Amino acid sequence: MPTIVHVGVDESGSLYAPTSFFVLTAVLAENPEPTQNLIRRAAFHSGKHIGRFAKSPSELKWYTASERIKKDVLERIAKSDLELFGLVVQKEGRRIEDTAENSAFLLCELLDLIWHDYPSLNVLLDRHFTSAFQIATMDTILYRFLPSDCVMALEHVDSQQHTLVQLADFVAGSLYDFYKRQNPSYQLVADKIKTTTKSWQDIKARWLARGE
């Protein structure tokens, strides 16, 4: 029986805003337990050098973290056994409707980097939609395109309660900021991440065609 691998997924950027890029990333671990310590250690050191109380691990998010914490987390990721995957969506200033269907197409494009090599997945998604109908719509599309030899469990979760999703948030944030403003922090994990860059039009056309 194939080993179950655990995947945390998060995003950076806005679909609806007229921006140039949108980023979706996945952090994969065969054993997620050591990642708990990764976040805890970064949180413990968050206030050590400036004489403040350490942050709670659940507080660590890319866009609220200091540059020092961002670097600390990314360095720990770079030294870990985690595998990283990234999808950079070229929006070219378009507003993309924030629907369950569109989100599912984007996630399919990202998971297509993973599910052919890892046929048994437990995927944790940062909870973006709240209604049961939206979640069911997204899940139905994802399972429709799942390779026939692959099994997958999907969970829509609170990112602050799941370390792999928190780590995906940092990877997504660093990748997005690299494309947006050439933030050098991304270089700490650049050699570790497998990325693909696609236009939104190509992504949507591809998965619509496969669904026909």
Protein backbone atom coordinates (compact mmCIF):
# COMPACT_ATOMS: atom_id res chain seq x y z
CA MET A 1 0.00 0.00 0.00
CA PRO A 2 1.46 3.41 -0.95
CA THR A 3 2.63 5.63 1.87
CA ILE A 4 0.16 8.38 2.69
CA VAL A 5 1.74 11.79 2.23
CA HIS A 6 0.37 14.94 3.82
CA VAL A 7 0.06 18.17 1.83
CA GLY A 8 -0.62 21.66 3.16
CA VAL A 9 -1.92 24.18 0.59
CA ASP A 10 -2.20 27.97 0.80
CA GLU A 11 -2.28 30.95 -1.54
CA SER A 12 -0.98 34.49 -1.86
CA GLY A 13 -2.39 37.37 -3.83
CA SER A 14 -5.94 38.10 -4.92
CA LEU A 15 -7.95 36.47 -7.67
CA TYR A 16 -10.41 39.32 -8.04
CA ALA A 17 -8.02 42.29 -7.78
CA PRO A 18 -6.51 43.44 -11.12
CA THR A 19 -3.02 42.18 -10.27
CA SER A 20 -0.42 40.50 -12.44
CA PHE A 21 0.07 37.29 -10.46
CA PHE A 22 -1.58 34.85 -8.10
CA VAL A 23 0.33 32.13 -6.26
CA LEU A 24 -0.71 28.76 -4.88
CA THR A 25 1.77 26.54 -3.05
CA ALA A 26 1.89 23.09 -1.49
CA VAL A 27 4.16 21.74 1.26
CA LEU A 28 4.46 17.96 1.31
CA ALA A 29 5.60 15.75 4.18
CA GLU A 30 5.57 11.98 4.62
CA ASN A 31 5.73 12.54 8.36
CA PRO A 32 4.17 15.86 9.44
CA GLU A 33 5.14 15.56 13.12
CA PRO A 34 8.62 17.20 12.84
CA THR A 35 7.05 20.25 11.20
CA GLN A 36 5.30 21.04 14.47
CA ASN A 37 8.67 21.76 16.04
CA LEU A 38 9.71 23.87 13.06
CA ILE A 39 6.95 26.41 13.70
CA ARG A 40 7.29 26.19 17.48
CA ARG A 41 11.01 26.97 17.33
CA ALA A 42 10.46 29.95 15.04
CA ALA A 43 7.74 31.22 17.40
CA PHE A 44 9.97 30.73 20.44
CA HIS A 45 12.78 32.76 18.88
CA SER A 46 10.41 35.47 17.61
CA GLY A 47 10.90 37.71 20.63
CA LYS A 48 14.17 36.40 22.01
CA HIS A 49 16.52 38.93 20.43
CA ILE A 50 14.40 41.97 21.22
CA GLY A 51 13.42 41.17 24.77
CA ARG A 52 9.75 40.52 24.09
CA PHE A 53 7.46 37.63 24.79
CA ALA A 54 7.59 34.94 22.13
CA LYS A 55 4.66 34.72 19.76
CA SER A 56 2.20 31.85 19.79
CA PRO A 57 2.87 29.44 16.89
CA SER A 58 -0.66 30.07 15.63
CA GLU A 59 0.18 33.78 15.16
CA LEU A 60 2.88 33.21 12.58
CA LYS A 61 1.68 34.40 9.17
CA TRP A 62 3.77 35.70 6.27
CA TYR A 63 2.18 39.13 5.95
CA THR A 64 2.22 39.91 9.67
CA ALA A 65 5.67 38.48 10.42
CA SER A 66 8.82 40.55 10.67
CA GLU A 67 11.55 40.09 8.08
CA ARG A 68 13.63 38.29 10.69
CA ILE A 69 10.86 35.76 11.39
CA LYS A 70 10.23 35.27 7.68
CA LYS A 71 13.89 34.49 7.16
CA ASP A 72 13.94 32.19 10.19
CA VAL A 73 10.96 30.13 8.97
CA LEU A 74 12.23 29.90 5.39
CA GLU A 75 15.69 28.83 6.55
CA ARG A 76 14.11 26.08 8.65
CA ILE A 77 12.02 24.96 5.69
CA ALA A 78 15.13 24.90 3.48
CA LYS A 79 16.92 22.59 5.93
CA SER A 80 13.95 20.25 6.35
CA ASP A 81 12.86 17.14 4.46
CA LEU A 82 9.75 18.92 3.18
CA GLU A 83 8.99 19.01 -0.53
CA LEU A 84 7.67 22.27 -1.99
CA PHE A 85 5.51 22.91 -5.04
CA GLY A 86 4.32 26.20 -6.50
CA LEU A 87 1.90 27.45 -9.14
CA VAL A 88 2.36 31.00 -10.41
CA VAL A 89 -0.73 32.18 -12.26
CA GLN A 90 -0.22 34.92 -14.81
CA LYS A 91 -3.33 37.09 -14.52
CA GLU A 92 -2.11 40.02 -16.63
CA GLY A 93 -4.28 42.43 -14.71
CA ARG A 94 -7.47 40.40 -15.13
CA ARG A 95 -10.10 40.05 -12.42
CA ILE A 96 -10.81 36.36 -11.92
CA GLU A 97 -14.15 35.49 -10.38
CA ASP A 98 -13.59 34.01 -6.93
CA THR A 99 -15.69 30.89 -7.35
CA ALA A 100 -15.41 27.33 -6.12
CA GLU A 101 -15.03 26.15 -9.72
CA ASN A 102 -12.12 28.49 -10.46
CA SER A 103 -10.42 27.60 -7.18
CA ALA A 104 -10.79 23.91 -8.01
CA PHE A 105 -9.18 24.39 -11.43
CA LEU A 106 -6.22 26.17 -9.81
CA LEU A 107 -5.82 23.46 -7.21
CA CYS A 108 -5.99 20.75 -9.88
CA GLU A 109 -3.16 22.51 -11.73
CA LEU A 110 -1.06 22.56 -8.57
CA LEU A 111 -1.85 18.99 -7.52
CA ASP A 112 -1.02 17.80 -11.02
CA LEU A 113 2.61 18.36 -9.98
CA ILE A 114 2.11 15.92 -7.12
CA TRP A 115 -0.55 13.25 -7.48
CA HIS A 116 1.13 11.29 -10.29
CA ASP A 117 4.14 10.58 -8.06
CA TYR A 118 2.26 10.33 -4.77
CA PRO A 119 -0.92 8.30 -5.30
CA SER A 120 -2.10 8.45 -1.69
CA LEU A 121 -2.67 12.00 -0.42
CA ASN A 122 -4.09 13.74 2.60
CA VAL A 123 -4.59 17.34 1.46
CA LEU A 124 -5.18 20.18 3.92
CA LEU A 125 -6.56 23.33 2.30
CA ASP A 126 -6.65 26.71 3.96
CA ARG A 127 -10.40 27.24 4.34
CA HIS A 128 -11.32 29.84 1.72
CA PHE A 129 -15.02 29.11 1.31
CA THR A 130 -17.47 28.81 4.18
CA SER A 131 -20.68 27.53 2.64
CA ALA A 132 -21.24 23.78 2.40
CA PHE A 133 -22.33 24.18 -1.22
CA GLN A 134 -19.11 25.92 -2.27
CA ILE A 135 -16.96 23.35 -0.48
CA ALA A 136 -18.93 20.47 -2.02
CA THR A 137 -18.63 22.03 -5.48
CA MET A 138 -14.89 22.40 -5.15
CA ASP A 139 -14.42 18.87 -3.78
CA THR A 140 -16.58 17.34 -6.52
CA ILE A 141 -14.46 18.92 -9.25
CA LEU A 142 -11.21 17.85 -7.60
CA TYR A 143 -12.31 14.24 -7.24
CA ARG A 144 -13.56 14.21 -10.84
CA PHE A 145 -10.05 14.94 -12.11
CA LEU A 146 -8.20 12.75 -9.62
CA PRO A 147 -6.10 10.15 -11.48
CA SER A 148 -7.74 6.73 -11.41
CA ASP A 149 -4.83 5.16 -9.52
CA CYS A 150 -4.80 7.86 -6.83
CA VAL A 151 -6.72 8.18 -3.57
CA MET A 152 -7.08 11.52 -1.81
CA ALA A 153 -8.63 12.90 1.35
CA LEU A 154 -9.49 16.61 1.36
CA GLU A 155 -9.89 18.80 4.41
CA HIS A 156 -10.77 22.51 4.47
CA VAL A 157 -9.08 23.73 7.65
CA ASP A 158 -8.12 26.76 9.71
CA SER A 159 -4.54 27.45 8.70
CA GLN A 160 -3.59 28.55 12.21
CA GLN A 161 -4.32 25.06 13.51
CA HIS A 162 -2.30 23.13 10.93
CA THR A 163 1.44 23.59 10.61
CA LEU A 164 1.74 22.35 7.02
CA VAL A 165 -0.75 25.00 5.89
CA GLN A 166 1.12 27.66 7.88
CA LEU A 167 4.33 26.65 6.14
CA ALA A 168 2.57 26.78 2.76
CA ASP A 169 1.53 30.33 3.68
CA PHE A 170 5.17 31.33 4.16
CA VAL A 171 6.26 29.68 0.93
CA ALA A 172 3.38 31.28 -1.00
CA GLY A 173 4.07 34.69 0.52
CA SER A 174 7.77 34.54 -0.33
CA LEU A 175 7.08 33.42 -3.90
CA TYR A 176 4.45 36.10 -4.46
CA ASP A 177 6.66 38.84 -3.03
CA PHE A 178 9.52 37.68 -5.22
CA TYR A 179 7.41 38.17 -8.35
CA LYS A 180 5.81 41.37 -7.11
CA ARG A 181 8.77 43.26 -5.65
CA GLN A 182 11.82 40.98 -6.07
CA ASN A 183 11.91 40.24 -2.35
CA PRO A 184 15.11 38.18 -1.89
CA SER A 185 13.71 36.00 0.93
CA TYR A 186 12.37 33.54 -1.63
CA GLN A 187 15.92 32.61 -2.62
CA LEU A 188 16.23 30.73 0.67
CA VAL A 189 13.84 28.06 -0.64
CA ALA A 190 14.18 28.58 -4.41
CA ASP A 191 16.34 25.48 -4.91
CA LYS A 192 13.85 23.36 -3.00
CA ILE A 193 10.61 24.27 -4.77
CA LYS A 194 9.23 22.84 -8.00
CA THR A 195 7.23 25.55 -9.73
CA THR A 196 5.17 25.96 -12.85
CA THR A 197 4.00 29.23 -14.38
CA LYS A 198 0.81 29.27 -16.41
CA SER A 199 -1.64 31.86 -17.69
CA TRP A 200 -5.10 31.79 -16.16
CA GLN A 201 -6.65 31.37 -19.60
CA ASP A 202 -4.57 28.24 -20.29
CA ILE A 203 -5.37 26.74 -16.88
CA LYS A 204 -9.11 27.23 -17.20
CA ALA A 205 -9.21 26.02 -20.81
CA ARG A 206 -7.25 22.91 -19.92
CA TRP A 207 -9.49 21.75 -17.10
CA LEU A 208 -12.72 22.71 -18.83
CA ALA A 209 -11.64 20.61 -21.82
CA ARG A 210 -10.78 17.65 -19.60
CA GLY A 211 -14.22 17.83 -18.03
CA GLU A 212 -16.06 17.55 -21.33
